[in-house]
């Protein structure tokens, strides 16, 4: 089996991770604060329930960014006696809290919209003003830009909390599209479309909440790495001097870090010290090449003497199959 090693992620320190994540979150807080105030004002002045709902969604993003900052600061702490494996999963806790905020926001918007639809005839619904239409357009542009900005750094840092915040921005942009359609339809003589647009916004937010929650849970239940990463780890181990094969590897995602256990093969005739040196070489090589790997445990299995002759041409075979 011919494998190629691929390093993933940037070799940045916890301090750099925290500084970048906090900076991105502060941009989100400032942007969402200004945008939510503008949309709330436009919604009130233009009598648009959809725009007021959209403003509430943007306001919830402010609180979500605060939670991101708190989660990132805690997750960046060094290991201690009570948390010997580190604090990375606190970022997942922050992401779950963000999903909860999204859920509550969606239910509030959906309940309000249903009350407006069922509370009276469509003729009694106010027709939104032009300012609500302009606010929706501005929101779409700004929130989509904030989505791509946050998403870039979320992928670079492999931060689940930041990615959750990015999806907050995207869901807000999509909800603004719904608000735009509803407001435009209401101004064309169909005022019931304004609260219907709020229901569409509710659906977008619920979808984002489910996606954020699912990703956070996946990172908290020791989910294995993808096949590409495991292949790269296997390749790196097999390339080290003295490694005659790789029997098995187990990986688990711990927050935004990876823990791995790998079993390698070595000559059964070498000393214990030599075997330990090979294992240490594999350990150091993987942790140096893959910054996301916080720790790897290397076990050495002896290769029987009669089997060594069959491996002269292929000294580092990989026995375990990859699906």
Protein backbone atom coordinates (compact mmCIF):
# COMPACT_ATOMS: atom_id res chain seq x y z
CA UNK A 1 0.00 0.00 0.00
CA UNK A 2 1.48 3.31 -1.05
CA UNK A 3 0.47 6.19 1.19
CA UNK A 4 1.34 9.85 1.23
CA UNK A 5 1.59 11.89 4.40
CA UNK A 6 -0.40 15.12 4.65
CA UNK A 7 -0.06 17.57 7.53
CA UNK A 8 -3.23 19.34 8.57
CA UNK A 9 -3.65 22.52 10.52
CA UNK A 10 -1.27 25.28 11.43
CA UNK A 11 1.33 24.96 14.15
CA UNK A 12 0.01 27.71 16.37
CA UNK A 13 0.32 28.01 20.13
CA UNK A 14 -2.69 28.02 22.50
CA UNK A 15 -2.01 31.72 23.12
CA UNK A 16 -2.21 32.48 19.39
CA UNK A 17 -5.35 30.35 19.07
CA UNK A 18 -7.01 32.29 21.88
CA UNK A 19 -5.94 35.70 20.54
CA UNK A 20 -7.20 35.03 17.01
CA UNK A 21 -10.50 33.51 18.18
CA UNK A 22 -11.16 36.42 20.56
CA UNK A 23 -10.36 38.96 17.82
CA UNK A 24 -12.76 37.30 15.39
CA UNK A 25 -15.46 37.15 18.07
CA UNK A 26 -15.01 40.84 18.91
CA UNK A 27 -15.53 41.71 15.24
CA UNK A 28 -18.74 39.67 15.37
CA UNK A 29 -19.92 41.38 18.55
CA UNK A 30 -19.37 44.88 17.18
CA UNK A 31 -20.90 44.06 13.79
CA UNK A 32 -23.95 42.31 15.24
CA UNK A 33 -24.58 45.03 17.82
CA UNK A 34 -24.67 47.77 15.20
CA UNK A 35 -26.66 45.67 12.73
CA UNK A 36 -29.26 44.48 15.26
CA UNK A 37 -29.91 48.07 16.42
CA UNK A 38 -30.34 49.26 12.83
CA UNK A 39 -32.68 46.39 11.96
CA UNK A 40 -34.73 46.81 15.14
CA UNK A 41 -35.15 50.52 14.45
CA UNK A 42 -36.09 49.85 10.82
CA UNK A 43 -38.52 47.12 11.87
CA UNK A 44 -40.29 49.37 14.39
CA UNK A 45 -40.47 52.40 12.11
CA UNK A 46 -41.55 50.34 9.10
CA UNK A 47 -44.01 48.15 11.06
CA UNK A 48 -42.29 44.94 9.92
CA UNK A 49 -42.54 41.89 12.16
CA UNK A 50 -40.13 40.00 9.92
CA UNK A 51 -37.47 42.68 10.32
CA UNK A 52 -37.97 42.79 14.11
CA UNK A 53 -37.57 38.99 14.17
CA UNK A 54 -34.43 39.34 12.09
CA UNK A 55 -33.11 41.94 14.55
CA UNK A 56 -33.70 39.56 17.45
CA UNK A 57 -31.72 36.92 15.58
CA UNK A 58 -28.80 39.33 15.12
CA UNK A 59 -28.97 40.28 18.80
CA UNK A 60 -28.72 36.62 19.78
CA UNK A 61 -25.50 36.45 17.76
CA UNK A 62 -23.98 39.02 20.14
CA UNK A 63 -24.56 36.71 23.10
CA UNK A 64 -23.32 33.72 21.13
CA UNK A 65 -20.03 35.52 20.37
CA UNK A 66 -19.59 36.24 24.09
CA UNK A 67 -20.03 32.53 24.79
CA UNK A 68 -17.45 31.75 22.10
CA UNK A 69 -14.92 34.02 23.82
CA UNK A 70 -15.55 32.39 27.20
CA UNK A 71 -15.34 28.88 25.73
CA UNK A 72 -12.14 29.61 23.81
CA UNK A 73 -10.44 31.17 26.84
CA UNK A 74 -11.25 28.14 29.00
CA UNK A 75 -10.30 25.59 26.32
CA UNK A 76 -6.92 27.27 25.82
CA UNK A 77 -5.89 26.68 29.44
CA UNK A 78 -3.03 24.26 30.11
CA UNK A 79 -3.64 20.81 31.57
CA UNK A 80 -3.88 20.66 35.35
CA UNK A 81 -4.39 18.07 38.08
CA UNK A 82 -8.18 18.06 37.69
CA UNK A 83 -8.03 18.07 33.87
CA UNK A 84 -4.90 16.09 32.89
CA UNK A 85 -6.06 15.82 29.27
CA UNK A 86 -6.62 19.55 28.90
CA UNK A 87 -9.69 21.75 28.56
CA UNK A 88 -10.40 21.51 24.82
CA UNK A 89 -13.88 20.07 25.29
CA UNK A 90 -15.04 23.27 26.96
CA UNK A 91 -15.18 24.69 23.44
CA UNK A 92 -17.68 21.95 22.58
CA UNK A 93 -19.72 22.95 25.64
CA UNK A 94 -19.75 26.52 24.31
CA UNK A 95 -20.97 25.26 20.93
CA UNK A 96 -23.80 23.31 22.61
CA UNK A 97 -24.83 26.44 24.49
CA UNK A 98 -24.86 28.32 21.19
CA UNK A 99 -27.13 25.67 19.72
CA UNK A 100 -29.47 26.16 22.69
CA UNK A 101 -29.55 29.92 22.13
CA UNK A 102 -30.40 29.35 18.47
CA UNK A 103 -33.21 26.97 19.43
CA UNK A 104 -34.79 29.40 21.89
CA UNK A 105 -34.49 32.24 19.36
CA UNK A 106 -36.18 30.14 16.67
CA UNK A 107 -39.06 29.13 18.93
CA UNK A 108 -39.65 32.74 19.98
CA UNK A 109 -39.72 33.97 16.38
CA UNK A 110 -41.93 31.09 15.22
CA UNK A 111 -44.41 31.57 18.08
CA UNK A 112 -44.70 35.31 17.41
CA UNK A 113 -45.22 34.74 13.68
CA UNK A 114 -47.97 32.16 14.28
CA UNK A 115 -49.75 34.57 16.62
CA UNK A 116 -49.74 37.25 13.91
CA UNK A 117 -51.02 34.83 11.28
CA UNK A 118 -53.79 33.29 13.38
CA UNK A 119 -54.67 36.39 15.38
CA UNK A 120 -56.69 38.13 12.68
CA UNK A 121 -57.27 38.64 9.00
CA UNK A 122 -54.44 39.58 6.68
CA UNK A 123 -56.09 42.94 6.08
CA UNK A 124 -55.36 43.97 9.68
CA UNK A 125 -51.63 43.39 9.24
CA UNK A 126 -49.54 46.50 8.73
CA UNK A 127 -47.74 46.93 5.42
CA UNK A 128 -43.96 47.30 6.03
CA UNK A 129 -42.25 50.54 5.00
CA UNK A 130 -39.33 50.98 2.60
CA UNK A 131 -36.77 51.24 5.41
CA UNK A 132 -37.40 47.59 6.34
CA UNK A 133 -36.67 46.56 2.75
CA UNK A 134 -33.38 48.48 2.72
CA UNK A 135 -32.39 47.08 6.12
CA UNK A 136 -32.93 43.53 4.85
CA UNK A 137 -30.64 44.14 1.86
CA UNK A 138 -27.94 45.64 4.11
CA UNK A 139 -28.23 42.70 6.51
CA UNK A 140 -27.79 40.13 3.73
CA UNK A 141 -24.57 41.75 2.51
CA UNK A 142 -23.04 42.34 5.96
CA UNK A 143 -23.96 38.96 7.47
CA UNK A 144 -22.74 36.98 4.47
CA UNK A 145 -19.41 38.83 4.66
CA UNK A 146 -19.18 38.06 8.40
CA UNK A 147 -19.95 34.41 7.68
CA UNK A 148 -17.02 34.02 5.28
CA UNK A 149 -14.70 35.97 7.59
CA UNK A 150 -15.54 33.82 10.63
CA UNK A 151 -15.61 30.59 8.61
CA UNK A 152 -12.07 31.23 7.33
CA UNK A 153 -10.62 31.47 10.81
CA UNK A 154 -12.83 28.65 12.14
CA UNK A 155 -11.39 26.26 9.56
CA UNK A 156 -7.83 27.54 10.05
CA UNK A 157 -8.05 27.06 13.83
CA UNK A 158 -10.35 24.01 13.56
CA UNK A 159 -12.61 25.68 16.11
CA UNK A 160 -16.07 24.20 16.56
CA UNK A 161 -17.26 27.22 18.55
CA UNK A 162 -16.12 29.66 15.87
CA UNK A 163 -17.70 27.52 13.17
CA UNK A 164 -20.94 27.60 15.16
CA UNK A 165 -20.67 31.38 15.26
CA UNK A 166 -20.07 31.43 11.50
CA UNK A 167 -23.27 29.47 10.96
CA UNK A 168 -25.04 32.01 13.13
CA UNK A 169 -23.99 34.63 10.59
CA UNK A 170 -25.06 32.45 7.64
CA UNK A 171 -28.45 31.67 9.20
CA UNK A 172 -28.92 35.38 9.85
CA UNK A 173 -28.10 36.16 6.21
CA UNK A 174 -30.57 33.52 5.01
CA UNK A 175 -33.23 34.76 7.40
CA UNK A 176 -32.71 38.25 6.01
CA UNK A 177 -33.38 36.83 2.55
CA UNK A 178 -36.65 35.46 3.89
CA UNK A 179 -37.41 38.81 5.49
CA UNK A 180 -36.66 40.58 2.20
CA UNK A 181 -39.08 38.36 0.30
CA UNK A 182 -41.76 38.71 2.96
CA UNK A 183 -41.42 42.49 3.21
CA UNK A 184 -41.44 42.90 -0.58
CA UNK A 185 -44.51 40.68 -0.86
CA UNK A 186 -46.30 42.59 1.89
CA UNK A 187 -45.58 45.89 0.12
CA UNK A 188 -47.05 44.39 -3.06
CA UNK A 189 -50.37 43.81 -1.33
CA UNK A 190 -49.85 40.54 0.55
CA UNK A 191 -49.14 41.60 4.17
CA UNK A 192 -49.53 38.03 5.44
CA UNK A 193 -46.23 37.23 3.73
CA UNK A 194 -44.39 39.25 6.40
CA UNK A 195 -45.17 36.84 9.31
CA UNK A 196 -44.80 33.89 6.92
CA UNK A 197 -41.27 35.13 6.25
CA UNK A 198 -40.70 35.00 10.02
CA UNK A 199 -41.66 31.31 9.94
CA UNK A 200 -39.10 30.75 7.20
CA UNK A 201 -36.52 32.49 9.38
CA UNK A 202 -37.51 30.16 12.23
CA UNK A 203 -36.85 27.12 10.03
CA UNK A 204 -33.39 28.38 9.02
CA UNK A 205 -32.40 28.98 12.63
CA UNK A 206 -33.64 25.54 13.73
CA UNK A 207 -31.56 23.90 11.00
CA UNK A 208 -28.44 25.81 12.11
CA UNK A 209 -29.07 24.82 15.74
CA UNK A 210 -29.27 21.13 14.82
CA UNK A 211 -26.05 21.30 12.76
CA UNK A 212 -24.10 23.06 15.53
CA UNK A 213 -25.38 20.64 18.19
CA UNK A 214 -24.56 17.56 16.09
CA UNK A 215 -20.99 18.72 15.40
CA UNK A 216 -20.35 19.52 19.09
CA UNK A 217 -21.66 16.16 20.24
CA UNK A 218 -19.53 14.36 17.65
CA UNK A 219 -16.42 15.98 19.12
CA UNK A 220 -17.41 15.08 22.68
CA UNK A 221 -18.03 11.35 22.22
CA UNK A 222 -14.54 10.35 21.06
CA UNK A 223 -15.44 10.22 17.38
CA UNK A 224 -12.61 8.82 15.22
CA UNK A 225 -10.71 10.97 12.73
CA UNK A 226 -11.53 10.73 9.06
CA UNK A 227 -9.79 8.20 6.81
CA UNK A 228 -7.48 10.79 5.27
CA UNK A 229 -6.00 11.74 8.64
CA UNK A 230 -5.59 8.12 9.76
CA UNK A 231 -3.83 7.26 6.49
CA UNK A 232 -1.45 10.16 7.01
CA UNK A 233 -0.65 9.05 10.56
CA UNK A 234 -0.05 5.48 9.42
CA UNK A 235 2.21 6.65 6.63
CA UNK A 236 4.25 8.83 8.97
CA UNK A 237 4.73 5.97 11.42
CA UNK A 238 5.67 3.45 8.72
CA UNK A 239 8.29 5.84 7.33
CA UNK A 240 10.34 5.89 10.53
CA UNK A 241 13.58 3.93 10.78
CA UNK A 242 13.19 0.56 12.50
CA UNK A 243 9.43 0.29 11.90
CA UNK A 244 8.70 -2.96 10.07
CA UNK A 245 4.95 -2.52 9.90
CA UNK A 246 1.87 -0.99 11.47
CA UNK A 247 -0.72 -3.30 12.98
CA UNK A 248 -3.42 -0.97 14.24
CA UNK A 249 -4.37 2.62 14.97
CA UNK A 250 -7.17 4.16 17.00
CA UNK A 251 -7.90 7.88 16.98
CA UNK A 252 -10.34 10.09 18.83
CA UNK A 253 -11.24 13.75 18.52
CA UNK A 254 -10.96 15.65 21.79
CA UNK A 255 -12.35 19.14 21.22
CA UNK A 256 -10.17 20.48 18.42
CA UNK A 257 -7.29 18.11 19.23
CA UNK A 258 -6.57 14.47 18.41
CA UNK A 259 -5.44 11.59 20.61
CA UNK A 260 -4.13 8.42 18.97
CA UNK A 261 -3.01 4.90 19.89
CA UNK A 262 -0.88 3.03 17.36
CA UNK A 263 0.72 -0.42 17.30
CA UNK A 264 3.90 -0.77 15.25
CA UNK A 265 6.11 -3.77 14.44
CA UNK A 266 9.83 -4.00 15.15
CA UNK A 267 12.58 -6.63 14.98
CA UNK A 268 12.09 -9.14 17.79
CA UNK A 269 15.87 -9.49 18.20
CA UNK A 270 16.57 -5.89 19.24
CA UNK A 271 16.88 -4.79 22.87
CA UNK A 272 14.15 -3.17 24.92
CA UNK A 273 16.04 0.13 24.82
CA UNK A 274 16.23 0.00 21.02
CA UNK A 275 12.53 -0.82 20.81
CA UNK A 276 11.74 2.12 23.07
CA UNK A 277 13.87 4.40 20.90
CA UNK A 278 11.89 3.42 17.79
CA UNK A 279 8.61 4.07 19.58
CA UNK A 280 9.88 7.46 20.78
CA UNK A 281 10.94 8.33 17.22
CA UNK A 282 7.44 7.53 15.91
CA UNK A 283 5.86 9.52 18.75
CA UNK A 284 8.01 12.61 18.14
CA UNK A 285 7.66 12.45 14.34
CA UNK A 286 3.85 12.33 14.43
CA UNK A 287 3.46 15.07 17.03
CA UNK A 288 5.91 17.29 15.12
CA UNK A 289 4.27 16.73 11.73
CA UNK A 290 0.68 16.93 12.95
CA UNK A 291 0.15 19.82 15.40
CA UNK A 292 -3.46 18.74 15.97
CA UNK A 293 -2.22 15.49 17.56
CA UNK A 294 -1.90 16.41 21.21
CA UNK A 295 -0.64 12.97 22.25
CA UNK A 296 -0.01 9.57 20.67
CA UNK A 297 0.63 6.32 22.51
CA UNK A 298 2.94 3.98 20.60
CA UNK A 299 3.01 0.25 21.34
CA UNK A 300 5.65 -2.05 19.82
CA UNK A 301 4.87 -5.61 18.69
CA UNK A 302 7.76 -8.00 17.93
CA UNK A 303 8.08 -9.48 14.46
CA UNK A 304 8.91 -13.21 14.64
CA UNK A 305 12.31 -14.09 13.24
CA UNK A 306 10.85 -16.46 10.61
CA UNK A 307 8.60 -13.67 9.30
CA UNK A 308 11.40 -11.15 8.91
CA UNK A 309 12.80 -12.80 5.77
CA UNK A 310 9.55 -12.20 3.91
CA UNK A 311 9.73 -8.46 4.61
CA UNK A 312 13.11 -7.63 3.18
CA UNK A 313 11.55 -5.96 0.15
CA UNK A 314 8.72 -4.29 2.11
CA UNK A 315 10.08 -3.36 5.52
CA UNK A 316 7.11 -1.26 6.61
CA UNK A 317 3.91 -3.04 5.65
CA UNK A 318 0.61 -1.83 7.01
CA UNK A 319 -1.59 -4.72 8.06
CA UNK A 320 -4.73 -2.95 9.21
CA UNK A 321 -7.34 -2.34 6.49
CA UNK A 322 -8.76 1.12 5.95
CA UNK A 323 -12.40 1.26 4.90
